């Protein structure tokens, strides 16, 4: 069961990290342009992007782990009965 959870979590973590790498430049450009319209301006630092990446990664891993454990613990007879 642990191997299946680890395998699925690694695969989803990779996809989340790839999505973050592609979305960070676009999000930075759009956010900068949007923030320029305000009287009080702030600078976007890299911290916000790292925090959002870690949060997205944690949510993905928790969701995948929960579903994998739920499927591994389930009785296969119950699944086959409805098919």
N, C-alpha and C. Protein backbone atom coordinates (compact mmCIF):
# COMPACT_ATOMS: atom_id res chain seq x y z
N UNK A 1 0.83 -1.19 0.00
CA UNK A 1 0.00 0.00 0.00
C UNK A 1 0.88 1.26 0.00
N UNK A 2 1.94 1.25 0.78
CA UNK A 2 2.82 2.41 0.85
C UNK A 2 3.50 2.71 -0.47
N UNK A 3 3.85 1.65 -1.19
CA UNK A 3 4.50 1.83 -2.49
C UNK A 3 3.59 2.46 -3.52
N UNK A 4 2.33 2.06 -3.50
CA UNK A 4 1.36 2.62 -4.44
C UNK A 4 1.14 4.10 -4.14
N UNK A 5 0.99 4.43 -2.86
CA UNK A 5 0.78 5.83 -2.47
C UNK A 5 1.99 6.67 -2.86
N UNK A 6 3.18 6.16 -2.61
CA UNK A 6 4.40 6.89 -2.95
C UNK A 6 4.53 7.08 -4.46
N UNK A 7 4.23 6.06 -5.23
CA UNK A 7 4.33 6.14 -6.68
C UNK A 7 3.36 7.17 -7.25
N UNK A 8 2.11 7.13 -6.80
CA UNK A 8 1.13 8.10 -7.27
C UNK A 8 1.45 9.51 -6.80
N UNK A 9 1.90 9.65 -5.58
CA UNK A 9 2.22 10.98 -5.05
C UNK A 9 3.39 11.61 -5.80
N UNK A 10 4.41 10.81 -6.12
CA UNK A 10 5.55 11.33 -6.87
C UNK A 10 5.12 11.81 -8.25
N UNK A 11 4.26 11.04 -8.90
CA UNK A 11 3.83 11.41 -10.24
C UNK A 11 3.02 12.71 -10.22
N UNK A 12 2.09 12.83 -9.28
CA UNK A 12 1.30 14.05 -9.19
C UNK A 12 2.15 15.24 -8.75
N UNK A 13 3.12 15.01 -7.87
CA UNK A 13 4.00 16.09 -7.43
C UNK A 13 4.81 16.63 -8.61
N UNK A 14 5.25 15.75 -9.47
CA UNK A 14 5.98 16.18 -10.65
C UNK A 14 5.12 17.08 -11.54
N UNK A 15 3.86 16.68 -11.76
CA UNK A 15 2.97 17.48 -12.59
C UNK A 15 2.64 18.83 -11.96
N UNK A 16 2.51 18.85 -10.65
CA UNK A 16 2.25 20.12 -9.95
C UNK A 16 3.46 21.04 -10.08
N UNK A 17 4.65 20.52 -9.93
CA UNK A 17 5.85 21.34 -10.06
C UNK A 17 6.04 21.86 -11.48
N UNK A 18 5.75 21.02 -12.47
CA UNK A 18 5.84 21.47 -13.87
C UNK A 18 4.83 22.58 -14.14
N UNK A 19 3.62 22.43 -13.62
CA UNK A 19 2.60 23.47 -13.80
C UNK A 19 3.03 24.77 -13.14
N UNK A 20 3.65 24.68 -11.98
CA UNK A 20 4.12 25.89 -11.30
C UNK A 20 5.22 26.59 -12.09
N UNK A 21 6.13 25.83 -12.65
CA UNK A 21 7.23 26.43 -13.41
C UNK A 21 6.68 27.19 -14.62
N UNK A 22 5.67 26.65 -15.27
CA UNK A 22 5.10 27.33 -16.43
C UNK A 22 4.21 28.50 -16.05
N UNK A 23 3.56 28.42 -14.89
CA UNK A 23 2.60 29.46 -14.54
C UNK A 23 3.23 30.65 -13.81
N UNK A 24 4.38 30.48 -13.18
CA UNK A 24 4.99 31.58 -12.42
C UNK A 24 5.30 32.81 -13.27
N UNK A 25 5.95 32.68 -14.42
CA UNK A 25 6.23 33.89 -15.20
C UNK A 25 4.96 34.62 -15.65
N UNK A 26 3.97 33.87 -16.08
CA UNK A 26 2.72 34.48 -16.52
C UNK A 26 2.00 35.15 -15.35
N UNK A 27 1.96 34.51 -14.22
CA UNK A 27 1.33 35.09 -13.04
C UNK A 27 2.07 36.34 -12.58
N UNK A 28 3.38 36.33 -12.66
CA UNK A 28 4.16 37.50 -12.26
C UNK A 28 3.87 38.69 -13.17
N UNK A 29 3.85 38.46 -14.47
CA UNK A 29 3.60 39.54 -15.43
C UNK A 29 2.20 40.11 -15.25
N UNK A 30 1.20 39.24 -15.16
CA UNK A 30 -0.17 39.70 -15.02
C UNK A 30 -0.38 40.43 -13.70
N UNK A 31 0.17 39.90 -12.63
CA UNK A 31 0.02 40.54 -11.32
C UNK A 31 0.71 41.89 -11.27
N UNK A 32 1.88 41.98 -11.87
CA UNK A 32 2.59 43.26 -11.90
C UNK A 32 1.79 44.32 -12.66
N UNK A 33 1.26 43.94 -13.81
CA UNK A 33 0.46 44.90 -14.59
C UNK A 33 -0.78 45.32 -13.82
N UNK A 34 -1.41 44.40 -13.15
CA UNK A 34 -2.62 44.71 -12.39
C UNK A 34 -2.30 45.62 -11.20
N UNK A 35 -1.20 45.37 -10.51
CA UNK A 35 -0.83 46.16 -9.33
C UNK A 35 -0.34 47.56 -9.69
N UNK A 36 0.07 47.78 -10.93
CA UNK A 36 0.52 49.11 -11.33
C UNK A 36 -0.62 50.12 -11.36
N UNK A 37 -1.85 49.66 -11.41
CA UNK A 37 -2.99 50.55 -11.45
C UNK A 37 -3.38 51.11 -10.10
N UNK A 38 -2.76 50.70 -9.04
CA UNK A 38 -3.11 51.16 -7.70
C UNK A 38 -2.17 52.28 -7.24
N UNK A 39 -2.66 53.15 -6.37
CA UNK A 39 -1.86 54.26 -5.86
C UNK A 39 -0.74 53.76 -4.96
N UNK A 40 -1.04 52.81 -4.10
CA UNK A 40 -0.03 52.23 -3.22
C UNK A 40 0.46 50.93 -3.83
N UNK A 41 1.70 50.92 -4.21
CA UNK A 41 2.24 49.75 -4.92
C UNK A 41 3.07 48.89 -3.98
N UNK A 42 3.05 47.61 -4.26
CA UNK A 42 3.91 46.67 -3.54
C UNK A 42 4.74 45.91 -4.57
N UNK A 43 5.84 45.40 -4.14
CA UNK A 43 6.67 44.58 -5.01
C UNK A 43 6.34 43.11 -4.77
N UNK A 44 6.23 42.39 -5.86
CA UNK A 44 6.00 40.95 -5.75
C UNK A 44 7.34 40.26 -5.55
N UNK A 45 7.45 39.54 -4.48
CA UNK A 45 8.67 38.79 -4.22
C UNK A 45 8.50 37.33 -4.61
N UNK A 46 9.58 36.62 -4.54
CA UNK A 46 9.55 35.20 -4.88
C UNK A 46 8.88 34.38 -3.79
N UNK A 47 8.76 34.95 -2.57
CA UNK A 47 8.20 34.21 -1.44
C UNK A 47 6.75 33.79 -1.68
N UNK A 48 5.98 34.68 -2.30
CA UNK A 48 4.57 34.36 -2.55
C UNK A 48 4.43 33.19 -3.52
N UNK A 49 5.33 33.10 -4.48
CA UNK A 49 5.26 32.02 -5.44
C UNK A 49 5.73 30.70 -4.83
N UNK A 50 6.72 30.75 -3.97
CA UNK A 50 7.18 29.54 -3.29
C UNK A 50 6.11 29.03 -2.34
N UNK A 51 5.49 29.95 -1.59
CA UNK A 51 4.42 29.56 -0.68
C UNK A 51 3.24 28.94 -1.42
N UNK A 52 2.85 29.54 -2.53
CA UNK A 52 1.72 28.99 -3.30
C UNK A 52 2.07 27.63 -3.90
N UNK A 53 3.33 27.46 -4.30
CA UNK A 53 3.77 26.18 -4.84
C UNK A 53 3.74 25.09 -3.78
N UNK A 54 4.23 25.41 -2.59
CA UNK A 54 4.23 24.44 -1.49
C UNK A 54 2.80 24.08 -1.10
N UNK A 55 1.92 25.08 -1.05
CA UNK A 55 0.53 24.83 -0.71
C UNK A 55 -0.16 23.94 -1.75
N UNK A 56 0.06 24.22 -3.03
CA UNK A 56 -0.53 23.39 -4.08
C UNK A 56 0.02 21.97 -4.03
N UNK A 57 1.30 21.84 -3.76
CA UNK A 57 1.92 20.52 -3.66
C UNK A 57 1.37 19.73 -2.48
N UNK A 58 1.18 20.38 -1.35
CA UNK A 58 0.63 19.71 -0.18
C UNK A 58 -0.81 19.26 -0.42
N UNK A 59 -1.62 20.11 -1.05
CA UNK A 59 -3.01 19.74 -1.34
C UNK A 59 -3.06 18.56 -2.30
N UNK A 60 -2.22 18.57 -3.33
CA UNK A 60 -2.21 17.47 -4.30
C UNK A 60 -1.77 16.16 -3.65
N UNK A 61 -0.73 16.21 -2.83
CA UNK A 61 -0.23 14.99 -2.20
C UNK A 61 -1.24 14.44 -1.20
N UNK A 62 -1.86 15.33 -0.41
CA UNK A 62 -2.87 14.86 0.55
C UNK A 62 -4.07 14.24 -0.15
N UNK A 63 -4.52 14.85 -1.23
CA UNK A 63 -5.67 14.33 -1.96
C UNK A 63 -5.36 12.97 -2.60
N UNK A 64 -4.22 12.88 -3.26
CA UNK A 64 -3.84 11.62 -3.91
C UNK A 64 -3.61 10.53 -2.88
N UNK A 65 -2.96 10.86 -1.78
CA UNK A 65 -2.71 9.87 -0.73
C UNK A 65 -4.01 9.36 -0.13
N UNK A 66 -4.93 10.27 0.13
CA UNK A 66 -6.21 9.87 0.70
C UNK A 66 -6.95 8.92 -0.24
N UNK A 67 -7.01 9.26 -1.51
CA UNK A 67 -7.73 8.42 -2.48
C UNK A 67 -7.03 7.07 -2.67
N UNK A 68 -5.71 7.06 -2.68
CA UNK A 68 -4.97 5.80 -2.86
C UNK A 68 -5.14 4.89 -1.66
N UNK A 69 -5.08 5.46 -0.47
CA UNK A 69 -5.28 4.65 0.74
C UNK A 69 -6.70 4.12 0.80
N UNK A 70 -7.66 4.96 0.44
CA UNK A 70 -9.06 4.55 0.43
C UNK A 70 -9.28 3.39 -0.56
N UNK A 71 -8.65 3.45 -1.72
CA UNK A 71 -8.79 2.38 -2.71
C UNK A 71 -8.06 1.11 -2.28
N UNK A 72 -6.92 1.27 -1.61
CA UNK A 72 -6.15 0.11 -1.18
C UNK A 72 -6.81 -0.64 -0.04
N UNK A 73 -7.50 0.07 0.82
CA UNK A 73 -8.14 -0.55 1.98
C UNK A 73 -9.49 -1.18 1.61
N UNK A 74 -10.09 -0.69 0.53
CA UNK A 74 -11.42 -1.16 0.13
C UNK A 74 -11.39 -2.65 -0.23
N UNK A 75 -12.49 -3.29 0.00
CA UNK A 75 -12.64 -4.71 -0.31
C UNK A 75 -12.88 -4.85 -1.82
N UNK A 76 -12.06 -5.63 -2.54
CA UNK A 76 -12.24 -5.75 -3.98
C UNK A 76 -13.55 -6.45 -4.37
N UNK A 77 -14.09 -7.23 -3.48
CA UNK A 77 -15.36 -7.91 -3.78
C UNK A 77 -16.48 -6.88 -3.96
N UNK A 78 -16.46 -5.84 -3.14
CA UNK A 78 -17.48 -4.80 -3.24
C UNK A 78 -17.41 -4.08 -4.58
N UNK A 79 -16.21 -3.86 -5.10
CA UNK A 79 -16.06 -3.20 -6.38
C UNK A 79 -16.51 -4.09 -7.53
N UNK A 80 -16.19 -5.35 -7.47
CA UNK A 80 -16.56 -6.27 -8.54
C UNK A 80 -18.06 -6.59 -8.54
N UNK A 81 -18.70 -6.47 -7.43
CA UNK A 81 -20.11 -6.78 -7.35
C UNK A 81 -20.95 -5.86 -8.23
N UNK A 82 -20.53 -4.62 -8.38
CA UNK A 82 -21.31 -3.64 -9.14
C UNK A 82 -20.92 -3.57 -10.60
N UNK A 83 -19.96 -4.35 -11.03
CA UNK A 83 -19.56 -4.30 -12.43
C UNK A 83 -20.12 -5.44 -13.23
